[in-house]
Amino acid sequence: MLKIGITGGIGSGKTTVCKVFELLGIPIFYADTVAKLIMHTDPVLKDEILKTFGEKSYSIDGDLNRAHLSSIVFNNETELNKLNALVHPAVFRAFDKWLAIHHDAPYIIKEAALLFETKSYTMCDLSVLVVSPEASRVRRVIARDGISHDELVLRMKSQLSDEQKMKLADHILFNDESQLLIPKILELDQQFLKLISDNDH
């Protein structure tokens, strides 16, 4: 099975791209959504978070105390790296289980904001980078998440630049509103299916 990684900076439109692939019947593993979920459900991860960040990390009912964790890791790269070092392996475990369920698909997609930063692109056969002008990204994210411009800039700085990612990506989709995106996605779908077909012969 062909494994495709899709990534892009915050507000680049990578989720929109994935939704189009989903309409084509391709299973999508949304790594960032899964990461939030397993912090509530993975007993190994919960135990590690409690040991690392203290018993205030979860309520008596076992719910994640996001405010407590955020207060520790926000603007503290060392503490954020500690949290990521716990969460990322748990996401990889969840991905392996998910793959087993979707083994009949022609190919699957893993959507992850930190595909290159976490080196998880090495677990994929190909990678796709969605690139969008910074002004468009800022406009989209502030409208979508209601966060301040300063907080957004901090988030952007925590990721590799588009220039760095472009050196690592196998395919690049430009979401700059000057060209139609869907035909390019359909073209990629055909390329992936042809690659699978060629490998089967």
N, C-alpha and C. Protein backbone atom coordinates (compact mmCIF):
# COMPACT_ATOMS: atom_id res chain seq x y z
N MET A 1 0.84 -1.20 0.00
CA MET A 1 0.00 0.00 0.00
C MET A 1 0.87 1.25 0.00
N LEU A 2 0.50 2.19 -0.84
CA LEU A 2 1.25 3.45 -0.94
C LEU A 2 0.83 4.38 0.19
N LYS A 3 1.80 4.93 0.89
CA LYS A 3 1.52 5.86 2.00
C LYS A 3 1.98 7.26 1.60
N ILE A 4 1.04 8.20 1.59
CA ILE A 4 1.33 9.57 1.18
C ILE A 4 1.21 10.49 2.40
N GLY A 5 2.22 11.29 2.65
CA GLY A 5 2.16 12.29 3.71
C GLY A 5 1.80 13.64 3.13
N ILE A 6 0.86 14.32 3.76
CA ILE A 6 0.48 15.68 3.31
C ILE A 6 0.71 16.65 4.47
N THR A 7 1.37 17.76 4.17
CA THR A 7 1.64 18.76 5.19
C THR A 7 1.60 20.15 4.59
N GLY A 8 1.77 21.14 5.44
CA GLY A 8 1.77 22.54 5.01
C GLY A 8 1.73 23.39 6.25
N GLY A 9 2.16 24.63 6.13
CA GLY A 9 2.14 25.53 7.27
C GLY A 9 0.72 25.79 7.74
N ILE A 10 0.58 26.32 8.94
CA ILE A 10 -0.73 26.62 9.49
C ILE A 10 -1.49 27.56 8.55
N GLY A 11 -2.73 27.18 8.21
CA GLY A 11 -3.55 27.99 7.31
C GLY A 11 -3.23 27.84 5.83
N SER A 12 -2.40 26.85 5.47
CA SER A 12 -2.01 26.68 4.06
C SER A 12 -3.12 26.06 3.22
N GLY A 13 -4.04 25.35 3.88
CA GLY A 13 -5.12 24.69 3.13
C GLY A 13 -4.94 23.19 3.01
N LYS A 14 -4.03 22.61 3.83
CA LYS A 14 -3.76 21.16 3.71
C LYS A 14 -4.99 20.31 4.04
N THR A 15 -5.80 20.76 5.01
CA THR A 15 -7.00 20.00 5.36
C THR A 15 -8.01 20.04 4.22
N THR A 16 -8.12 21.18 3.56
CA THR A 16 -9.01 21.31 2.39
C THR A 16 -8.58 20.34 1.31
N VAL A 17 -7.28 20.25 1.06
CA VAL A 17 -6.74 19.31 0.06
C VAL A 17 -7.12 17.88 0.44
N CYS A 18 -6.98 17.56 1.73
CA CYS A 18 -7.30 16.21 2.20
C CYS A 18 -8.78 15.89 2.03
N LYS A 19 -9.64 16.90 2.23
CA LYS A 19 -11.08 16.68 2.08
C LYS A 19 -11.41 16.29 0.63
N VAL A 20 -10.67 16.84 -0.34
CA VAL A 20 -10.90 16.48 -1.74
C VAL A 20 -10.48 15.02 -1.97
N PHE A 21 -9.33 14.63 -1.43
CA PHE A 21 -8.90 13.23 -1.54
C PHE A 21 -9.93 12.31 -0.88
N GLU A 22 -10.51 12.78 0.23
CA GLU A 22 -11.53 11.98 0.93
C GLU A 22 -12.74 11.75 0.03
N LEU A 23 -13.13 12.77 -0.73
CA LEU A 23 -14.25 12.64 -1.67
C LEU A 23 -13.93 11.62 -2.76
N LEU A 24 -12.65 11.42 -3.02
CA LEU A 24 -12.22 10.42 -4.02
C LEU A 24 -12.16 9.01 -3.41
N GLY A 25 -12.52 8.91 -2.13
CA GLY A 25 -12.56 7.61 -1.47
C GLY A 25 -11.26 7.19 -0.82
N ILE A 26 -10.34 8.14 -0.65
CA ILE A 26 -9.04 7.82 -0.04
C ILE A 26 -9.11 8.02 1.48
N PRO A 27 -8.72 7.00 2.27
CA PRO A 27 -8.73 7.16 3.73
C PRO A 27 -7.67 8.17 4.18
N ILE A 28 -8.03 9.04 5.11
CA ILE A 28 -7.11 10.08 5.60
C ILE A 28 -6.90 9.89 7.10
N PHE A 29 -5.65 9.87 7.50
CA PHE A 29 -5.30 9.83 8.92
C PHE A 29 -4.91 11.25 9.32
N TYR A 30 -5.76 11.89 10.12
CA TYR A 30 -5.49 13.27 10.54
C TYR A 30 -4.67 13.22 11.84
N ALA A 31 -3.36 13.31 11.70
CA ALA A 31 -2.45 13.09 12.84
C ALA A 31 -2.70 14.07 13.99
N ASP A 32 -2.98 15.33 13.67
CA ASP A 32 -3.14 16.33 14.73
C ASP A 32 -4.43 16.10 15.52
N THR A 33 -5.49 15.66 14.82
CA THR A 33 -6.76 15.34 15.50
C THR A 33 -6.57 14.11 16.39
N VAL A 34 -5.85 13.11 15.86
CA VAL A 34 -5.60 11.89 16.63
C VAL A 34 -4.75 12.22 17.87
N ALA A 35 -3.79 13.11 17.71
CA ALA A 35 -2.92 13.49 18.84
C ALA A 35 -3.76 14.05 19.99
N LYS A 36 -4.74 14.90 19.65
CA LYS A 36 -5.60 15.48 20.69
C LYS A 36 -6.46 14.39 21.35
N LEU A 37 -6.94 13.45 20.53
CA LEU A 37 -7.80 12.39 21.03
C LEU A 37 -7.05 11.44 21.97
N ILE A 38 -5.86 11.01 21.56
CA ILE A 38 -5.17 9.97 22.34
C ILE A 38 -4.61 10.52 23.66
N MET A 39 -4.51 11.84 23.79
CA MET A 39 -4.11 12.39 25.08
C MET A 39 -5.21 12.13 26.12
N HIS A 40 -6.41 11.80 25.64
CA HIS A 40 -7.53 11.43 26.53
C HIS A 40 -7.67 9.92 26.67
N THR A 41 -7.23 9.18 25.62
CA THR A 41 -7.62 7.75 25.56
C THR A 41 -6.46 6.75 25.66
N ASP A 42 -5.23 7.15 25.38
CA ASP A 42 -4.10 6.21 25.41
C ASP A 42 -3.56 6.11 26.84
N PRO A 43 -3.75 4.98 27.52
CA PRO A 43 -3.34 4.88 28.94
C PRO A 43 -1.84 5.06 29.15
N VAL A 44 -1.03 4.57 28.21
CA VAL A 44 0.43 4.71 28.32
C VAL A 44 0.81 6.19 28.25
N LEU A 45 0.23 6.89 27.28
CA LEU A 45 0.53 8.31 27.09
C LEU A 45 0.06 9.13 28.30
N LYS A 46 -1.14 8.84 28.78
CA LYS A 46 -1.69 9.57 29.94
C LYS A 46 -0.76 9.42 31.15
N ASP A 47 -0.28 8.19 31.36
CA ASP A 47 0.61 7.92 32.48
C ASP A 47 1.92 8.72 32.35
N GLU A 48 2.45 8.77 31.12
CA GLU A 48 3.70 9.51 30.87
C GLU A 48 3.51 11.01 31.08
N ILE A 49 2.36 11.53 30.65
CA ILE A 49 2.07 12.96 30.82
C ILE A 49 1.95 13.29 32.31
N LEU A 50 1.28 12.43 33.06
CA LEU A 50 1.14 12.65 34.51
C LEU A 50 2.50 12.66 35.20
N LYS A 51 3.36 11.73 34.82
CA LYS A 51 4.70 11.65 35.44
C LYS A 51 5.54 12.87 35.08
N THR A 52 5.38 13.36 33.85
CA THR A 52 6.23 14.46 33.37
C THR A 52 5.72 15.83 33.80
N PHE A 53 4.40 16.03 33.77
CA PHE A 53 3.84 17.37 33.99
C PHE A 53 2.98 17.48 35.26
N GLY A 54 2.93 16.41 36.04
CA GLY A 54 2.24 16.49 37.33
C GLY A 54 0.79 16.08 37.29
N GLU A 55 0.24 15.82 38.50
CA GLU A 55 -1.12 15.27 38.58
C GLU A 55 -2.20 16.27 38.19
N LYS A 56 -1.84 17.56 38.08
CA LYS A 56 -2.83 18.55 37.62
C LYS A 56 -3.10 18.42 36.12
N SER A 57 -2.31 17.58 35.43
CA SER A 57 -2.48 17.41 33.98
C SER A 57 -3.82 16.80 33.62
N TYR A 58 -4.42 16.06 34.57
CA TYR A 58 -5.73 15.46 34.34
C TYR A 58 -6.64 15.72 35.54
N SER A 59 -7.93 15.80 35.25
CA SER A 59 -8.91 15.98 36.34
C SER A 59 -9.11 14.63 37.04
N ILE A 60 -9.87 14.64 38.13
CA ILE A 60 -10.19 13.40 38.86
C ILE A 60 -10.92 12.42 37.93
N ASP A 61 -11.70 12.97 37.00
CA ASP A 61 -12.44 12.11 36.05
C ASP A 61 -11.57 11.60 34.91
N GLY A 62 -10.31 12.04 34.89
CA GLY A 62 -9.40 11.57 33.83
C GLY A 62 -9.39 12.41 32.58
N ASP A 63 -10.00 13.60 32.63
CA ASP A 63 -10.00 14.50 31.47
C ASP A 63 -8.73 15.34 31.45
N LEU A 64 -8.21 15.55 30.25
CA LEU A 64 -6.99 16.34 30.09
C LEU A 64 -7.23 17.78 30.52
N ASN A 65 -6.32 18.32 31.31
CA ASN A 65 -6.39 19.72 31.73
C ASN A 65 -5.54 20.55 30.77
N ARG A 66 -6.18 20.97 29.67
CA ARG A 66 -5.45 21.69 28.61
C ARG A 66 -4.85 23.00 29.12
N ALA A 67 -5.57 23.69 29.98
CA ALA A 67 -5.08 24.97 30.50
C ALA A 67 -3.77 24.78 31.27
N HIS A 68 -3.71 23.72 32.07
CA HIS A 68 -2.50 23.43 32.86
C HIS A 68 -1.32 23.13 31.92
N LEU A 69 -1.56 22.23 30.95
CA LEU A 69 -0.47 21.88 30.02
C LEU A 69 -0.03 23.08 29.19
N SER A 70 -1.01 23.85 28.71
CA SER A 70 -0.68 25.02 27.88
C SER A 70 0.17 26.02 28.67
N SER A 71 -0.16 26.19 29.96
CA SER A 71 0.60 27.16 30.77
C SER A 71 2.06 26.73 30.93
N ILE A 72 2.31 25.42 30.83
CA ILE A 72 3.68 24.91 30.98
C ILE A 72 4.46 25.01 29.66
N VAL A 73 3.80 24.60 28.55
CA VAL A 73 4.54 24.48 27.28
C VAL A 73 4.52 25.76 26.44
N PHE A 74 3.56 26.67 26.70
CA PHE A 74 3.47 27.87 25.87
C PHE A 74 4.72 28.74 26.07
N ASN A 75 5.37 29.06 24.97
CA ASN A 75 6.59 29.89 24.99
C ASN A 75 7.77 29.22 25.71
N ASN A 76 7.66 27.90 25.95
CA ASN A 76 8.77 27.19 26.59
C ASN A 76 9.14 26.00 25.72
N GLU A 77 10.15 26.21 24.87
CA GLU A 77 10.50 25.20 23.86
C GLU A 77 10.93 23.88 24.50
N THR A 78 11.64 23.95 25.62
CA THR A 78 12.12 22.73 26.30
C THR A 78 10.94 21.88 26.75
N GLU A 79 9.96 22.51 27.38
CA GLU A 79 8.79 21.77 27.88
C GLU A 79 7.92 21.27 26.73
N LEU A 80 7.81 22.08 25.66
CA LEU A 80 7.04 21.66 24.48
C LEU A 80 7.69 20.44 23.84
N ASN A 81 9.01 20.44 23.75
CA ASN A 81 9.73 19.29 23.20
C ASN A 81 9.50 18.04 24.03
N LYS A 82 9.42 18.21 25.36
CA LYS A 82 9.14 17.07 26.25
C LYS A 82 7.77 16.48 25.93
N LEU A 83 6.78 17.37 25.77
CA LEU A 83 5.42 16.90 25.47
C LEU A 83 5.38 16.20 24.11
N ASN A 84 6.00 16.82 23.11
CA ASN A 84 6.02 16.21 21.77
C ASN A 84 6.71 14.85 21.77
N ALA A 85 7.75 14.71 22.59
CA ALA A 85 8.49 13.44 22.66
C ALA A 85 7.62 12.32 23.23
N LEU A 86 6.58 12.69 23.97
CA LEU A 86 5.63 11.70 24.50
C LEU A 86 4.50 11.43 23.49
N VAL A 87 3.99 12.52 22.90
CA VAL A 87 2.80 12.40 22.04
C VAL A 87 3.12 11.76 20.69
N HIS A 88 4.24 12.15 20.07
CA HIS A 88 4.51 11.66 18.71
C HIS A 88 4.63 10.14 18.61
N PRO A 89 5.35 9.46 19.52
CA PRO A 89 5.39 7.99 19.44
C PRO A 89 4.00 7.36 19.60
N ALA A 90 3.15 7.98 20.43
CA ALA A 90 1.78 7.47 20.61
C ALA A 90 0.97 7.63 19.32
N VAL A 91 1.19 8.74 18.60
CA VAL A 91 0.52 8.95 17.31
C VAL A 91 1.00 7.90 16.30
N PHE A 92 2.30 7.60 16.32
CA PHE A 92 2.83 6.57 15.42
C PHE A 92 2.18 5.21 15.70
N ARG A 93 1.97 4.90 16.98
CA ARG A 93 1.31 3.64 17.36
C ARG A 93 -0.13 3.61 16.83
N ALA A 94 -0.82 4.74 16.98
CA ALA A 94 -2.21 4.84 16.50
C ALA A 94 -2.26 4.70 14.98
N PHE A 95 -1.26 5.26 14.29
CA PHE A 95 -1.20 5.20 12.83
C PHE A 95 -1.02 3.76 12.37
N ASP A 96 -0.18 3.00 13.05
CA ASP A 96 0.04 1.59 12.69
C ASP A 96 -1.26 0.79 12.82
N LYS A 97 -2.02 1.04 13.88
CA LYS A 97 -3.30 0.34 14.08
C LYS A 97 -4.30 0.73 12.99
N TRP A 98 -4.31 2.02 12.66
CA TRP A 98 -5.22 2.55 11.64
C TRP A 98 -4.90 1.95 10.27
N LEU A 99 -3.61 1.80 9.97
CA LEU A 99 -3.19 1.22 8.68
C LEU A 99 -3.76 -0.18 8.50
N ALA A 100 -3.75 -0.96 9.57
CA ALA A 100 -4.24 -2.34 9.50
C ALA A 100 -5.72 -2.38 9.11
N ILE A 101 -6.47 -1.36 9.51
CA ILE A 101 -7.91 -1.30 9.20
C ILE A 101 -8.13 -0.96 7.72
N HIS A 102 -7.23 -0.15 7.16
CA HIS A 102 -7.42 0.36 5.79
C HIS A 102 -6.50 -0.32 4.77
N HIS A 103 -6.16 -1.58 5.03
CA HIS A 103 -5.18 -2.26 4.17
C HIS A 103 -5.70 -2.51 2.75
N ASP A 104 -7.02 -2.40 2.53
CA ASP A 104 -7.57 -2.65 1.18
C ASP A 104 -7.57 -1.40 0.29
N ALA A 105 -7.27 -0.24 0.85
CA ALA A 105 -7.28 1.01 0.06
C ALA A 105 -6.11 1.01 -0.93
N PRO A 106 -6.29 1.65 -2.11
CA PRO A 106 -5.18 1.71 -3.07
C PRO A 106 -3.99 2.49 -2.48
N TYR A 107 -4.32 3.58 -1.81
CA TYR A 107 -3.30 4.32 -1.07
C TYR A 107 -3.98 5.06 0.07
N ILE A 108 -3.18 5.47 1.04
CA ILE A 108 -3.74 6.23 2.17
C ILE A 108 -2.95 7.53 2.31
N ILE A 109 -3.54 8.47 3.04
CA ILE A 109 -2.88 9.76 3.27
C ILE A 109 -2.77 10.02 4.76
N LYS A 110 -1.60 10.46 5.17
CA LYS A 110 -1.40 10.91 6.55
C LYS A 110 -1.22 12.42 6.51
N GLU A 111 -2.17 13.13 7.12
CA GLU A 111 -2.08 14.60 7.17
C GLU A 111 -1.49 15.00 8.51
N ALA A 112 -0.38 15.72 8.46
CA ALA A 112 0.29 16.11 9.71
C ALA A 112 0.96 17.47 9.54
N ALA A 113 0.71 18.38 10.47
CA ALA A 113 1.32 19.72 10.42
C ALA A 113 2.84 19.62 10.53
N LEU A 114 3.30 18.65 11.34
CA LEU A 114 4.75 18.54 11.59
C LEU A 114 5.33 17.29 10.92
N LEU A 115 4.89 17.02 9.70
CA LEU A 115 5.34 15.81 8.98
C LEU A 115 6.86 15.77 8.85
N PHE A 116 7.46 16.91 8.52
CA PHE A 116 8.92 16.96 8.34
C PHE A 116 9.63 17.15 9.67
N GLU A 117 9.04 17.97 10.54
CA GLU A 117 9.68 18.27 11.83
C GLU A 117 9.83 17.02 12.70
N THR A 118 8.83 16.10 12.62
CA THR A 118 8.87 14.89 13.46
C THR A 118 9.52 13.71 12.73
N LYS A 119 9.97 13.98 11.50
CA LYS A 119 10.60 12.93 10.65
C LYS A 119 9.60 11.84 10.26
N SER A 120 8.30 12.06 10.46
CA SER A 120 7.34 11.01 10.11
C SER A 120 7.17 10.87 8.60
N TYR A 121 7.70 11.83 7.83
CA TYR A 121 7.67 11.68 6.37
C TYR A 121 8.51 10.48 5.93
N THR A 122 9.47 10.07 6.77
CA THR A 122 10.30 8.91 6.43
C THR A 122 9.50 7.61 6.49
N MET A 123 8.33 7.65 7.13
CA MET A 123 7.46 6.47 7.19
C MET A 123 6.47 6.45 6.02
N CYS A 124 6.52 7.49 5.17
CA CYS A 124 5.64 7.57 4.00
C CYS A 124 6.46 7.32 2.74
N ASP A 125 5.76 6.87 1.69
CA ASP A 125 6.45 6.63 0.41
C ASP A 125 6.68 7.93 -0.35
N LEU A 126 5.74 8.85 -0.23
CA LEU A 126 5.83 10.15 -0.91
C LEU A 126 5.26 11.22 0.00
N SER A 127 5.68 12.46 -0.23
CA SER A 127 5.14 13.57 0.56
C SER A 127 4.64 14.69 -0.36
N VAL A 128 3.58 15.34 0.09
CA VAL A 128 2.98 16.46 -0.63
C VAL A 128 2.97 17.66 0.30
N LEU A 129 3.49 18.77 -0.18
CA LEU A 129 3.51 20.01 0.60
C LEU A 129 2.53 21.01 -0.01
N VAL A 130 1.64 21.55 0.83
CA VAL A 130 0.70 22.59 0.39
C VAL A 130 1.29 23.94 0.79
N VAL A 131 1.49 24.80 -0.19
CA VAL A 131 2.12 26.11 0.04
C VAL A 131 1.13 27.22 -0.29
N SER A 132 1.07 28.21 0.59
CA SER A 132 0.16 29.33 0.39
C SER A 132 0.85 30.61 0.85
N PRO A 133 0.58 31.75 0.21
CA PRO A 133 1.22 33.01 0.63
C PRO A 133 0.91 33.32 2.10
N GLU A 134 1.89 33.89 2.78
CA GLU A 134 1.74 34.14 4.22
C GLU A 134 0.54 35.03 4.52
N ALA A 135 0.29 36.05 3.70
CA ALA A 135 -0.84 36.96 3.96
C ALA A 135 -2.17 36.21 3.93
N SER A 136 -2.30 35.26 2.99
CA SER A 136 -3.53 34.45 2.89
C SER A 136 -3.67 33.56 4.11
N ARG A 137 -2.55 32.97 4.54
CA ARG A 137 -2.57 32.07 5.70
C ARG A 137 -2.98 32.82 6.96
N VAL A 138 -2.41 34.00 7.14
CA VAL A 138 -2.72 34.82 8.33
C VAL A 138 -4.21 35.16 8.34
N ARG A 139 -4.72 35.57 7.19
CA ARG A 139 -6.14 35.96 7.09
C ARG A 139 -7.05 34.77 7.43
N ARG A 140 -6.73 33.60 6.85
CA ARG A 140 -7.54 32.40 7.08
C ARG A 140 -7.56 31.99 8.55
N VAL A 141 -6.37 31.94 9.17
CA VAL A 141 -6.26 31.40 10.53
C VAL A 141 -6.90 32.34 11.55
N ILE A 142 -6.69 33.64 11.39
CA ILE A 142 -7.29 34.60 12.34
C ILE A 142 -8.81 34.53 12.24
N ALA A 143 -9.33 34.38 11.01
CA ALA A 143 -10.79 34.27 10.83
C ALA A 143 -11.30 32.94 11.39
N ARG A 144 -10.52 31.87 11.21
CA ARG A 144 -10.95 30.52 11.62
C ARG A 144 -10.83 30.29 13.12
N ASP A 145 -9.69 30.67 13.70
CA ASP A 145 -9.40 30.33 15.10
C ASP A 145 -9.60 31.48 16.07
N GLY A 146 -9.73 32.69 15.54
CA GLY A 146 -9.93 33.85 16.41
C GLY A 146 -8.75 34.14 17.31
N ILE A 147 -7.54 33.78 16.86
CA ILE A 147 -6.35 34.05 17.68
C ILE A 147 -5.72 35.38 17.27
N SER A 148 -4.83 35.88 18.12
CA SER A 148 -4.18 37.16 17.81
C SER A 148 -3.09 36.96 16.76
N HIS A 149 -2.72 38.05 16.13
CA HIS A 149 -1.66 38.01 15.12
C HIS A 149 -0.35 37.54 15.76
N ASP A 150 -0.06 38.03 16.97
CA ASP A 150 1.20 37.66 17.65
C ASP A 150 1.27 36.17 17.96
N GLU A 151 0.14 35.60 18.41
CA GLU A 151 0.11 34.17 18.73
C GLU A 151 0.31 33.34 17.46
N LEU A 152 -0.29 33.82 16.36
CA LEU A 152 -0.15 33.12 15.08
C LEU A 152 1.30 33.13 14.61
N VAL A 153 1.96 34.27 14.74
CA VAL A 153 3.36 34.37 14.33
C VAL A 153 4.23 33.40 15.14
N LEU A 154 3.94 33.28 16.44
CA LEU A 154 4.67 32.32 17.29
C LEU A 154 4.47 30.89 16.81
N ARG A 155 3.23 30.55 16.43
CA ARG A 155 2.94 29.20 15.93
C ARG A 155 3.70 28.94 14.63
N MET A 156 3.70 29.94 13.77
CA MET A 156 4.39 29.78 12.47
C MET A 156 5.89 29.57 12.66
N LYS A 157 6.44 30.27 13.65
CA LYS A 157 7.89 30.15 13.91
C LYS A 157 8.27 28.78 14.44
N SER A 158 7.29 28.06 15.03
CA SER A 158 7.60 26.74 15.60
C SER A 158 7.70 25.67 14.50
N GLN A 159 7.32 26.04 13.27
CA GLN A 159 7.39 25.09 12.15
C GLN A 159 8.54 25.48 11.22
N LEU A 160 8.99 24.50 10.44
CA LEU A 160 10.00 24.79 9.42
C LEU A 160 9.40 25.77 8.40
N SER A 161 10.25 26.53 7.73
CA SER A 161 9.76 27.45 6.70
C SER A 161 9.36 26.65 5.46
N ASP A 162 8.54 27.28 4.60
CA ASP A 162 8.15 26.62 3.34
C ASP A 162 9.38 26.28 2.51
N GLU A 163 10.38 27.17 2.53
CA GLU A 163 11.60 26.93 1.74
C GLU A 163 12.30 25.65 2.21
N GLN A 164 12.37 25.46 3.53
CA GLN A 164 13.00 24.24 4.08
C GLN A 164 12.19 23.00 3.71
N LYS A 165 10.87 23.12 3.80
CA LYS A 165 10.00 21.97 3.50
C LYS A 165 10.04 21.61 2.02
N MET A 166 10.15 22.63 1.16
CA MET A 166 10.15 22.38 -0.28
C MET A 166 11.34 21.53 -0.71
N LYS A 167 12.42 21.61 0.04
CA LYS A 167 13.61 20.79 -0.27
C LYS A 167 13.36 19.31 0.05
N LEU A 168 12.40 19.06 0.95
CA LEU A 168 12.12 17.69 1.39
C LEU A 168 10.92 17.06 0.67
N ALA A 169 10.03 17.89 0.15
CA ALA A 169 8.77 17.38 -0.42
C ALA A 169 8.95 16.76 -1.80
N ASP A 170 8.15 15.72 -2.08
CA ASP A 170 8.17 15.10 -3.41
C ASP A 170 7.25 15.84 -4.38
N HIS A 171 6.15 16.37 -3.85
CA HIS A 171 5.18 17.11 -4.67
C HIS A 171 4.80 18.39 -3.93
N ILE A 172 4.58 19.47 -4.69
CA ILE A 172 4.18 20.75 -4.08
C ILE A 172 2.89 21.22 -4.74
N LEU A 173 1.90 21.55 -3.90
CA LEU A 173 0.65 22.13 -4.38
C LEU A 173 0.61 23.60 -3.97
N PHE A 174 0.50 24.49 -4.94
CA PHE A 174 0.45 25.92 -4.64
C PHE A 174 -1.01 26.36 -4.49
N ASN A 175 -1.38 26.74 -3.27
CA ASN A 175 -2.73 27.19 -2.98
C ASN A 175 -2.71 28.71 -2.86
N ASP A 176 -2.53 29.37 -4.01
CA ASP A 176 -2.33 30.82 -3.99
C ASP A 176 -3.50 31.59 -4.59
N GLU A 177 -4.62 30.89 -4.82
CA GLU A 177 -5.84 31.50 -5.33
C GLU A 177 -5.72 32.07 -6.74
N SER A 178 -4.56 31.85 -7.39
CA SER A 178 -4.42 32.32 -8.77
C SER A 178 -4.62 31.17 -9.75
N GLN A 179 -4.61 29.94 -9.22
CA GLN A 179 -4.82 28.77 -10.07
C GLN A 179 -5.74 27.79 -9.36
N LEU A 180 -6.48 27.01 -10.15
CA LEU A 180 -7.43 26.06 -9.57
C LEU A 180 -6.70 24.92 -8.89
N LEU A 181 -7.13 24.61 -7.68
CA LEU A 181 -6.47 23.59 -6.87
C LEU A 181 -6.98 22.18 -7.17
N ILE A 182 -8.29 22.04 -7.37
CA ILE A 182 -8.88 20.70 -7.52
C ILE A 182 -8.29 19.92 -8.71
N PRO A 183 -8.11 20.55 -9.90
CA PRO A 183 -7.50 19.78 -11.00
C PRO A 183 -6.11 19.26 -10.66
N LYS A 184 -5.35 20.01 -9.87
CA LYS A 184 -4.01 19.57 -9.47
C LYS A 184 -4.08 18.38 -8.51
N ILE A 185 -5.11 18.39 -7.64
CA ILE A 185 -5.30 17.27 -6.72
C ILE A 185 -5.70 16.02 -7.51
N LEU A 186 -6.59 16.18 -8.49
CA LEU A 186 -7.01 15.05 -9.32
C LEU A 186 -5.83 14.48 -10.12
N GLU A 187 -4.97 15.38 -10.55
CA GLU A 187 -3.76 14.97 -11.27
C GLU A 187 -2.84 14.12 -10.38
N LEU A 188 -2.69 14.56 -9.12
CA LEU A 188 -1.87 13.79 -8.17
C LEU A 188 -2.48 12.42 -7.91
N ASP A 189 -3.81 12.38 -7.77
CA ASP A 189 -4.51 11.11 -7.55
C ASP A 189 -4.19 10.14 -8.69
N GLN A 190 -4.24 10.62 -9.92
CA GLN A 190 -3.94 9.77 -11.08
C GLN A 190 -2.48 9.32 -11.09
N GLN A 191 -1.59 10.21 -10.69
CA GLN A 191 -0.17 9.84 -10.60
C GLN A 191 0.04 8.72 -9.58
N PHE A 192 -0.61 8.85 -8.42
CA PHE A 192 -0.46 7.83 -7.37
C PHE A 192 -1.01 6.49 -7.85
N LEU A 193 -2.19 6.51 -8.50
CA LEU A 193 -2.81 5.27 -8.98
C LEU A 193 -1.95 4.62 -10.07
N LYS A 194 -1.35 5.45 -10.92
CA LYS A 194 -0.48 4.91 -11.98
C LYS A 194 0.76 4.28 -11.37
N LEU A 195 1.31 4.93 -10.36
CA LEU A 195 2.49 4.40 -9.67
C LEU A 195 2.19 3.03 -9.06
N ILE A 196 1.01 2.90 -8.46
CA ILE A 196 0.59 1.63 -7.87
C ILE A 196 0.44 0.58 -8.96
N SER A 197 -0.21 0.98 -10.06
CA SER A 197 -0.44 0.06 -11.18
C SER A 197 0.88 -0.41 -11.78
N ASP A 198 1.82 0.52 -11.97
CA ASP A 198 3.14 0.17 -12.54
C ASP A 198 3.90 -0.79 -11.63
N ASN A 199 3.77 -0.58 -10.32
CA ASN A 199 4.47 -1.44 -9.36
C ASN A 199 3.86 -2.84 -9.27
N ASP A 200 2.58 -2.92 -9.64
CA ASP A 200 1.88 -4.22 -9.59
C ASP A 200 2.23 -5.11 -10.78
N HIS A 201 2.78 -4.48 -11.83
CA HIS A 201 3.10 -5.27 -13.05
C HIS A 201 4.53 -5.74 -13.05
